[in-house]
Amino acid sequence: MARFNELSEYKFTIISRLLENEELSKAIYYNDTDFLGKPNVNDPTEKLVYNHIFPYRFIPDVNESKQTFITLSFRKFRLVNNHFKTGLIYVNVFTHRDLFKTDYGCTRIDFLTNKVDELLNQKRGIGIGQLEFVDMDEIVVNDKYQGNYICYKPVDFN
């Protein structure tokens, strides 16, 4: 197996984990401020992957419709025992500035950042060991989209 296939597998394992969370899927898919009251997203893989969730860095055109996105970026990965085990995983969470407001006492970005962290921080099962939080900061994608990045590193692997 080509070694770089591992990184693709890791990305899609993370995406699968994100798609399993109905609240996260609703916050991404629906633009309404009361997104949790909406129906579950039927076939989230079909509706969200490559539309709202990307296994690579993605920058929306400012003229596109208002949406929310999660993108992944794997940086500085190195081989350990002939497998990619060390590096940094960046999860970029951003939305159109008109979609920040929610009915839940937090911004859409704060809601999503918290959900991503619940699903990934100190968790195992993506093939590269337990993920440990490194840092989080704001990102400005363009003049219409902004949000946060959350960075994790794999630790405690075989």
N, C-alpha and C. Protein backbone atom coordinates (compact mmCIF):
# COMPACT_ATOMS: atom_id res chain seq x y z
N MET A 1 0.84 -1.18 0.00
CA MET A 1 0.00 0.00 0.00
C MET A 1 0.88 1.23 0.00
N ALA A 2 0.54 2.19 -0.81
CA ALA A 2 1.27 3.46 -0.81
C ALA A 2 1.03 4.17 0.52
N ARG A 3 2.09 4.72 1.06
CA ARG A 3 1.98 5.32 2.38
C ARG A 3 1.03 6.50 2.43
N PHE A 4 0.92 7.27 1.37
CA PHE A 4 0.06 8.45 1.42
C PHE A 4 -1.42 8.08 1.47
N ASN A 5 -1.77 6.85 1.12
CA ASN A 5 -3.16 6.41 1.27
C ASN A 5 -3.61 6.46 2.72
N GLU A 6 -2.66 6.25 3.64
CA GLU A 6 -3.00 6.32 5.06
C GLU A 6 -3.60 7.67 5.43
N LEU A 7 -3.01 8.73 4.91
CA LEU A 7 -3.50 10.07 5.25
C LEU A 7 -4.92 10.28 4.75
N SER A 8 -5.22 9.78 3.56
CA SER A 8 -6.59 9.86 3.05
C SER A 8 -7.55 9.09 3.94
N GLU A 9 -7.14 7.92 4.37
CA GLU A 9 -7.98 7.13 5.27
C GLU A 9 -8.23 7.86 6.57
N TYR A 10 -7.20 8.48 7.12
CA TYR A 10 -7.35 9.24 8.37
C TYR A 10 -8.36 10.37 8.19
N LYS A 11 -8.26 11.08 7.07
CA LYS A 11 -9.18 12.20 6.82
C LYS A 11 -10.62 11.72 6.77
N PHE A 12 -10.87 10.64 6.04
CA PHE A 12 -12.25 10.19 5.89
C PHE A 12 -12.76 9.52 7.16
N THR A 13 -11.88 9.02 8.00
CA THR A 13 -12.31 8.51 9.30
C THR A 13 -12.75 9.68 10.19
N ILE A 14 -12.02 10.78 10.15
CA ILE A 14 -12.42 11.97 10.91
C ILE A 14 -13.76 12.50 10.38
N ILE A 15 -13.90 12.58 9.08
CA ILE A 15 -15.15 13.06 8.50
C ILE A 15 -16.31 12.15 8.91
N SER A 16 -16.11 10.85 8.89
CA SER A 16 -17.16 9.91 9.30
C SER A 16 -17.57 10.16 10.75
N ARG A 17 -16.58 10.40 11.59
CA ARG A 17 -16.88 10.68 12.99
C ARG A 17 -17.71 11.96 13.13
N LEU A 18 -17.37 12.98 12.35
CA LEU A 18 -18.12 14.23 12.40
C LEU A 18 -19.56 14.02 11.92
N LEU A 19 -19.74 13.24 10.85
CA LEU A 19 -21.06 13.02 10.28
C LEU A 19 -21.97 12.21 11.20
N GLU A 20 -21.40 11.46 12.13
CA GLU A 20 -22.21 10.67 13.06
C GLU A 20 -22.95 11.54 14.07
N ASN A 21 -22.53 12.78 14.23
CA ASN A 21 -23.14 13.66 15.20
C ASN A 21 -24.25 14.48 14.53
N GLU A 22 -25.49 14.20 14.91
CA GLU A 22 -26.64 14.84 14.28
C GLU A 22 -26.67 16.35 14.52
N GLU A 23 -26.30 16.78 15.73
CA GLU A 23 -26.32 18.21 16.02
C GLU A 23 -25.30 18.96 15.16
N LEU A 24 -24.13 18.39 14.99
CA LEU A 24 -23.12 19.00 14.14
C LEU A 24 -23.61 19.07 12.70
N SER A 25 -24.21 18.00 12.20
CA SER A 25 -24.73 17.98 10.83
C SER A 25 -25.80 19.06 10.64
N LYS A 26 -26.67 19.21 11.61
CA LYS A 26 -27.71 20.24 11.51
C LYS A 26 -27.11 21.64 11.50
N ALA A 27 -26.12 21.88 12.36
CA ALA A 27 -25.51 23.20 12.45
C ALA A 27 -24.80 23.58 11.14
N ILE A 28 -24.31 22.59 10.44
CA ILE A 28 -23.65 22.84 9.16
C ILE A 28 -24.67 23.00 8.03
N TYR A 29 -25.65 22.13 8.01
CA TYR A 29 -26.57 22.05 6.87
C TYR A 29 -27.61 23.18 6.86
N TYR A 30 -28.20 23.45 8.02
CA TYR A 30 -29.27 24.45 8.09
C TYR A 30 -28.72 25.83 8.40
N ASN A 31 -29.23 26.84 7.74
CA ASN A 31 -28.81 28.21 7.98
C ASN A 31 -29.64 28.90 9.07
N ASP A 32 -30.72 28.28 9.51
CA ASP A 32 -31.60 28.87 10.50
C ASP A 32 -30.91 29.03 11.85
N THR A 33 -31.34 30.02 12.62
CA THR A 33 -30.76 30.23 13.96
C THR A 33 -31.18 29.13 14.92
N ASP A 34 -32.28 28.44 14.63
CA ASP A 34 -32.77 27.34 15.48
C ASP A 34 -32.52 25.98 14.82
N PHE A 35 -31.34 25.78 14.30
CA PHE A 35 -31.01 24.58 13.52
C PHE A 35 -31.24 23.27 14.26
N LEU A 36 -31.12 23.25 15.58
CA LEU A 36 -31.31 22.00 16.32
C LEU A 36 -32.76 21.52 16.27
N GLY A 37 -33.69 22.42 16.02
CA GLY A 37 -35.10 22.06 15.91
C GLY A 37 -35.50 21.53 14.54
N LYS A 38 -34.57 21.51 13.64
CA LYS A 38 -34.84 21.03 12.28
C LYS A 38 -34.73 19.50 12.22
N PRO A 39 -35.29 18.89 11.17
CA PRO A 39 -35.18 17.43 11.04
C PRO A 39 -33.73 17.00 10.86
N ASN A 40 -33.46 15.76 11.21
CA ASN A 40 -32.12 15.22 10.97
C ASN A 40 -31.80 15.30 9.48
N VAL A 41 -30.54 15.46 9.19
CA VAL A 41 -30.10 15.55 7.80
C VAL A 41 -30.08 14.13 7.22
N ASN A 42 -30.98 13.88 6.27
CA ASN A 42 -31.02 12.57 5.62
C ASN A 42 -29.81 12.43 4.72
N ASP A 43 -29.15 11.30 4.81
CA ASP A 43 -27.95 11.00 4.01
C ASP A 43 -26.91 12.11 4.13
N PRO A 44 -26.40 12.32 5.35
CA PRO A 44 -25.44 13.41 5.55
C PRO A 44 -24.19 13.30 4.69
N THR A 45 -23.75 12.08 4.37
CA THR A 45 -22.57 11.94 3.52
C THR A 45 -22.83 12.58 2.17
N GLU A 46 -23.97 12.28 1.58
CA GLU A 46 -24.32 12.82 0.26
C GLU A 46 -24.51 14.33 0.30
N LYS A 47 -25.15 14.83 1.35
CA LYS A 47 -25.47 16.26 1.41
C LYS A 47 -24.34 17.13 1.93
N LEU A 48 -23.45 16.58 2.74
CA LEU A 48 -22.44 17.42 3.40
C LEU A 48 -21.03 17.29 2.84
N VAL A 49 -20.60 16.06 2.51
CA VAL A 49 -19.23 15.86 2.05
C VAL A 49 -19.07 16.45 0.65
N TYR A 50 -18.06 17.27 0.49
CA TYR A 50 -17.75 18.03 -0.72
C TYR A 50 -18.77 19.13 -1.01
N ASN A 51 -19.68 19.37 -0.09
CA ASN A 51 -20.59 20.52 -0.16
C ASN A 51 -20.38 21.45 1.03
N HIS A 52 -20.20 20.85 2.20
CA HIS A 52 -19.97 21.60 3.43
C HIS A 52 -18.75 21.11 4.20
N ILE A 53 -18.40 19.86 4.02
CA ILE A 53 -17.24 19.27 4.70
C ILE A 53 -16.27 18.80 3.64
N PHE A 54 -15.03 19.27 3.75
CA PHE A 54 -14.03 18.97 2.73
C PHE A 54 -12.79 18.33 3.36
N PRO A 55 -12.23 17.30 2.72
CA PRO A 55 -11.00 16.67 3.24
C PRO A 55 -9.75 17.45 2.84
N TYR A 56 -9.89 18.70 2.55
CA TYR A 56 -8.77 19.57 2.15
C TYR A 56 -9.19 21.01 2.46
N ARG A 57 -8.22 21.90 2.40
CA ARG A 57 -8.54 23.31 2.60
C ARG A 57 -9.40 23.80 1.45
N PHE A 58 -10.45 24.49 1.79
CA PHE A 58 -11.40 24.99 0.81
C PHE A 58 -11.74 26.42 1.16
N ILE A 59 -11.79 27.28 0.15
CA ILE A 59 -12.15 28.67 0.36
C ILE A 59 -13.33 28.98 -0.56
N PRO A 60 -14.49 29.31 0.02
CA PRO A 60 -15.65 29.60 -0.82
C PRO A 60 -15.52 30.96 -1.50
N ASP A 61 -16.13 31.05 -2.64
CA ASP A 61 -16.21 32.32 -3.35
C ASP A 61 -17.14 33.24 -2.56
N VAL A 62 -16.81 34.50 -2.45
CA VAL A 62 -17.65 35.42 -1.67
C VAL A 62 -19.02 35.62 -2.29
N ASN A 63 -19.19 35.27 -3.55
CA ASN A 63 -20.48 35.43 -4.22
C ASN A 63 -21.36 34.19 -4.13
N GLU A 64 -20.83 33.11 -3.54
CA GLU A 64 -21.64 31.91 -3.38
C GLU A 64 -22.71 32.14 -2.31
N SER A 65 -23.66 31.23 -2.26
CA SER A 65 -24.70 31.35 -1.24
C SER A 65 -24.09 31.21 0.15
N LYS A 66 -24.79 31.68 1.14
CA LYS A 66 -24.32 31.66 2.52
C LYS A 66 -24.33 30.22 3.03
N GLN A 67 -23.16 29.76 3.52
CA GLN A 67 -23.05 28.39 4.00
C GLN A 67 -22.09 28.30 5.18
N THR A 68 -22.03 27.12 5.76
CA THR A 68 -21.10 26.80 6.84
C THR A 68 -20.23 25.65 6.38
N PHE A 69 -18.95 25.66 6.78
CA PHE A 69 -18.00 24.67 6.29
C PHE A 69 -17.11 24.14 7.40
N ILE A 70 -16.67 22.91 7.20
CA ILE A 70 -15.58 22.31 7.97
C ILE A 70 -14.61 21.75 6.95
N THR A 71 -13.34 22.11 7.09
CA THR A 71 -12.32 21.57 6.20
C THR A 71 -11.19 20.99 7.03
N LEU A 72 -10.45 20.06 6.44
CA LEU A 72 -9.33 19.42 7.13
C LEU A 72 -8.03 19.77 6.43
N SER A 73 -6.99 19.86 7.23
CA SER A 73 -5.65 20.09 6.70
C SER A 73 -4.68 19.29 7.56
N PHE A 74 -3.91 18.42 6.93
CA PHE A 74 -2.89 17.64 7.62
C PHE A 74 -1.54 18.27 7.31
N ARG A 75 -0.81 18.63 8.36
CA ARG A 75 0.45 19.33 8.16
C ARG A 75 1.58 18.66 8.93
N LYS A 76 2.76 18.75 8.36
CA LYS A 76 4.01 18.31 8.99
C LYS A 76 3.98 16.85 9.42
N PHE A 77 3.33 15.99 8.64
CA PHE A 77 3.31 14.57 8.98
C PHE A 77 4.64 13.93 8.60
N ARG A 78 5.08 13.03 9.48
CA ARG A 78 6.33 12.31 9.27
C ARG A 78 6.09 10.83 9.52
N LEU A 79 6.98 10.04 8.95
CA LEU A 79 6.90 8.59 9.13
C LEU A 79 7.49 8.17 10.47
N VAL A 80 6.79 7.23 11.11
CA VAL A 80 7.29 6.56 12.30
C VAL A 80 7.06 5.07 12.06
N ASN A 81 8.11 4.29 12.05
CA ASN A 81 8.00 2.86 11.76
C ASN A 81 7.25 2.59 10.46
N ASN A 82 7.58 3.38 9.43
CA ASN A 82 7.04 3.23 8.09
C ASN A 82 5.54 3.55 7.98
N HIS A 83 4.99 4.28 8.96
CA HIS A 83 3.60 4.74 8.91
C HIS A 83 3.57 6.20 9.32
N PHE A 84 2.59 6.95 8.77
CA PHE A 84 2.43 8.34 9.18
C PHE A 84 1.77 8.38 10.55
N LYS A 85 2.48 8.86 11.54
CA LYS A 85 1.97 8.89 12.90
C LYS A 85 2.11 10.26 13.56
N THR A 86 3.08 11.05 13.17
CA THR A 86 3.26 12.34 13.81
C THR A 86 2.94 13.44 12.82
N GLY A 87 2.31 14.46 13.30
CA GLY A 87 1.95 15.60 12.48
C GLY A 87 0.89 16.41 13.19
N LEU A 88 0.29 17.32 12.47
CA LEU A 88 -0.75 18.18 13.02
C LEU A 88 -1.99 18.08 12.15
N ILE A 89 -3.12 17.96 12.80
CA ILE A 89 -4.40 17.91 12.11
C ILE A 89 -5.14 19.20 12.42
N TYR A 90 -5.42 19.97 11.37
CA TYR A 90 -6.16 21.21 11.52
C TYR A 90 -7.59 21.00 11.03
N VAL A 91 -8.53 21.35 11.89
CA VAL A 91 -9.94 21.33 11.53
C VAL A 91 -10.37 22.78 11.46
N ASN A 92 -10.72 23.22 10.27
CA ASN A 92 -11.13 24.61 10.05
C ASN A 92 -12.65 24.66 10.03
N VAL A 93 -13.22 25.47 10.91
CA VAL A 93 -14.67 25.62 11.03
C VAL A 93 -14.98 27.08 10.72
N PHE A 94 -15.76 27.32 9.66
CA PHE A 94 -16.07 28.70 9.33
C PHE A 94 -17.43 28.81 8.66
N THR A 95 -17.99 30.01 8.74
CA THR A 95 -19.32 30.26 8.19
C THR A 95 -19.39 31.67 7.63
N HIS A 96 -20.44 31.90 6.87
CA HIS A 96 -20.72 33.24 6.38
C HIS A 96 -21.04 34.13 7.58
N ARG A 97 -20.60 35.36 7.54
CA ARG A 97 -20.78 36.24 8.70
C ARG A 97 -22.24 36.46 9.05
N ASP A 98 -23.17 36.29 8.10
CA ASP A 98 -24.59 36.45 8.40
C ASP A 98 -25.18 35.24 9.12
N LEU A 99 -24.42 34.15 9.26
CA LEU A 99 -24.94 32.93 9.89
C LEU A 99 -24.39 32.69 11.29
N PHE A 100 -23.67 33.63 11.84
CA PHE A 100 -23.08 33.44 13.16
C PHE A 100 -24.13 33.31 14.27
N LYS A 101 -25.20 34.07 14.19
CA LYS A 101 -26.19 34.11 15.26
C LYS A 101 -26.97 32.79 15.35
N THR A 102 -27.18 32.33 16.60
CA THR A 102 -28.00 31.15 16.85
C THR A 102 -28.97 31.45 17.99
N ASP A 103 -29.87 30.54 18.24
CA ASP A 103 -30.80 30.66 19.36
C ASP A 103 -30.28 29.96 20.62
N TYR A 104 -29.01 29.61 20.64
CA TYR A 104 -28.49 28.74 21.70
C TYR A 104 -27.48 29.41 22.62
N GLY A 105 -27.42 30.72 22.64
CA GLY A 105 -26.54 31.43 23.56
C GLY A 105 -25.07 31.40 23.17
N CYS A 106 -24.80 31.07 21.93
CA CYS A 106 -23.43 31.05 21.42
C CYS A 106 -23.48 31.25 19.91
N THR A 107 -22.35 31.54 19.32
CA THR A 107 -22.33 31.66 17.87
C THR A 107 -22.32 30.27 17.23
N ARG A 108 -22.65 30.22 15.97
CA ARG A 108 -22.60 28.94 15.24
C ARG A 108 -21.18 28.37 15.27
N ILE A 109 -20.18 29.25 15.15
CA ILE A 109 -18.79 28.79 15.19
C ILE A 109 -18.44 28.23 16.56
N ASP A 110 -18.86 28.89 17.63
CA ASP A 110 -18.60 28.37 18.98
C ASP A 110 -19.27 27.01 19.17
N PHE A 111 -20.51 26.87 18.69
CA PHE A 111 -21.23 25.61 18.79
C PHE A 111 -20.46 24.50 18.06
N LEU A 112 -20.06 24.78 16.82
CA LEU A 112 -19.37 23.78 16.03
C LEU A 112 -17.97 23.46 16.57
N THR A 113 -17.27 24.48 17.02
CA THR A 113 -15.94 24.25 17.59
C THR A 113 -16.04 23.32 18.79
N ASN A 114 -17.02 23.55 19.64
CA ASN A 114 -17.23 22.70 20.81
C ASN A 114 -17.57 21.27 20.40
N LYS A 115 -18.44 21.11 19.40
CA LYS A 115 -18.82 19.76 18.93
C LYS A 115 -17.62 19.02 18.35
N VAL A 116 -16.83 19.70 17.54
CA VAL A 116 -15.64 19.07 16.96
C VAL A 116 -14.71 18.62 18.08
N ASP A 117 -14.49 19.46 19.06
CA ASP A 117 -13.60 19.10 20.16
C ASP A 117 -14.14 17.93 20.97
N GLU A 118 -15.45 17.88 21.20
CA GLU A 118 -16.06 16.75 21.90
C GLU A 118 -15.81 15.45 21.14
N LEU A 119 -15.85 15.51 19.82
CA LEU A 119 -15.72 14.31 18.99
C LEU A 119 -14.28 13.86 18.78
N LEU A 120 -13.31 14.78 18.89
CA LEU A 120 -11.94 14.43 18.55
C LEU A 120 -10.95 14.47 19.71
N ASN A 121 -11.07 15.43 20.61
CA ASN A 121 -10.06 15.61 21.65
C ASN A 121 -10.02 14.40 22.60
N GLN A 122 -8.82 13.86 22.78
CA GLN A 122 -8.59 12.72 23.65
C GLN A 122 -9.30 11.45 23.18
N LYS A 123 -9.65 11.40 21.91
CA LYS A 123 -10.34 10.23 21.36
C LYS A 123 -9.38 9.40 20.52
N ARG A 124 -9.69 8.12 20.43
CA ARG A 124 -8.94 7.17 19.61
C ARG A 124 -9.83 6.73 18.45
N GLY A 125 -9.23 5.98 17.54
CA GLY A 125 -10.04 5.33 16.52
C GLY A 125 -9.91 5.90 15.13
N ILE A 126 -8.93 6.78 14.89
CA ILE A 126 -8.76 7.23 13.51
C ILE A 126 -7.50 6.64 12.89
N GLY A 127 -6.86 5.71 13.60
CA GLY A 127 -5.72 5.02 13.03
C GLY A 127 -4.38 5.61 13.41
N ILE A 128 -4.39 6.77 14.05
CA ILE A 128 -3.11 7.39 14.40
C ILE A 128 -3.05 7.72 15.89
N GLY A 129 -3.73 6.93 16.69
CA GLY A 129 -3.66 7.11 18.13
C GLY A 129 -4.63 8.14 18.65
N GLN A 130 -4.49 8.42 19.92
CA GLN A 130 -5.33 9.42 20.58
C GLN A 130 -4.97 10.80 20.09
N LEU A 131 -5.97 11.65 19.90
CA LEU A 131 -5.73 13.01 19.47
C LEU A 131 -5.71 13.94 20.68
N GLU A 132 -4.73 14.82 20.69
CA GLU A 132 -4.58 15.78 21.79
C GLU A 132 -4.70 17.19 21.24
N PHE A 133 -5.48 18.01 21.92
CA PHE A 133 -5.66 19.41 21.54
C PHE A 133 -4.33 20.14 21.60
N VAL A 134 -4.00 20.91 20.57
CA VAL A 134 -2.78 21.72 20.54
C VAL A 134 -3.12 23.19 20.71
N ASP A 135 -3.97 23.72 19.81
CA ASP A 135 -4.40 25.10 19.96
C ASP A 135 -5.60 25.38 19.08
N MET A 136 -6.18 26.56 19.29
CA MET A 136 -7.33 27.03 18.53
C MET A 136 -7.15 28.52 18.36
N ASP A 137 -7.54 29.02 17.20
CA ASP A 137 -7.46 30.45 16.95
C ASP A 137 -8.46 30.82 15.86
N GLU A 138 -8.68 32.11 15.71
CA GLU A 138 -9.57 32.60 14.67
C GLU A 138 -8.94 32.45 13.30
N ILE A 139 -9.79 32.29 12.31
CA ILE A 139 -9.34 32.37 10.92
C ILE A 139 -10.28 33.30 10.17
N VAL A 140 -9.72 34.06 9.29
CA VAL A 140 -10.50 34.88 8.37
C VAL A 140 -10.23 34.30 6.99
N VAL A 141 -11.27 33.77 6.39
CA VAL A 141 -11.13 33.10 5.10
C VAL A 141 -11.15 34.12 3.96
N ASN A 142 -12.10 35.02 4.03
CA ASN A 142 -12.20 36.13 3.08
C ASN A 142 -13.11 37.18 3.71
N ASP A 143 -13.56 38.16 2.97
CA ASP A 143 -14.32 39.24 3.60
C ASP A 143 -15.74 38.84 4.00
N LYS A 144 -16.20 37.64 3.67
CA LYS A 144 -17.54 37.17 4.06
C LYS A 144 -17.51 35.99 5.03
N TYR A 145 -16.41 35.25 5.09
CA TYR A 145 -16.34 34.03 5.89
C TYR A 145 -15.24 34.11 6.94
N GLN A 146 -15.59 33.68 8.14
CA GLN A 146 -14.60 33.60 9.21
C GLN A 146 -15.01 32.52 10.18
N GLY A 147 -14.08 32.15 11.05
CA GLY A 147 -14.36 31.10 12.02
C GLY A 147 -13.15 30.81 12.86
N ASN A 148 -12.93 29.52 13.15
CA ASN A 148 -11.81 29.06 13.97
C ASN A 148 -11.11 27.90 13.29
N TYR A 149 -9.84 27.75 13.63
CA TYR A 149 -9.20 26.47 13.37
C TYR A 149 -8.94 25.83 14.72
N ILE A 150 -8.97 24.52 14.74
CA ILE A 150 -8.64 23.74 15.93
C ILE A 150 -7.55 22.78 15.50
N CYS A 151 -6.47 22.73 16.25
CA CYS A 151 -5.34 21.89 15.89
C CYS A 151 -5.17 20.77 16.90
N TYR A 152 -4.98 19.55 16.40
CA TYR A 152 -4.74 18.37 17.22
C TYR A 152 -3.47 17.68 16.75
N LYS A 153 -2.86 16.95 17.66
CA LYS A 153 -1.74 16.10 17.27
C LYS A 153 -2.01 14.70 17.81
N PRO A 154 -1.63 13.70 17.02
CA PRO A 154 -1.78 12.32 17.50
C PRO A 154 -0.72 12.01 18.54
N VAL A 155 -1.12 11.37 19.61
CA VAL A 155 -0.21 10.96 20.68
C VAL A 155 -0.58 9.55 21.12
N ASP A 156 0.31 8.92 21.86
CA ASP A 156 0.01 7.62 22.45
C ASP A 156 -0.41 6.59 21.41
N PHE A 157 0.44 6.40 20.40
CA PHE A 157 0.15 5.42 19.37
C PHE A 157 1.16 4.28 19.45
N ASN A 158 0.84 3.19 18.77
CA ASN A 158 1.76 2.04 18.76
C ASN A 158 2.80 2.20 17.68
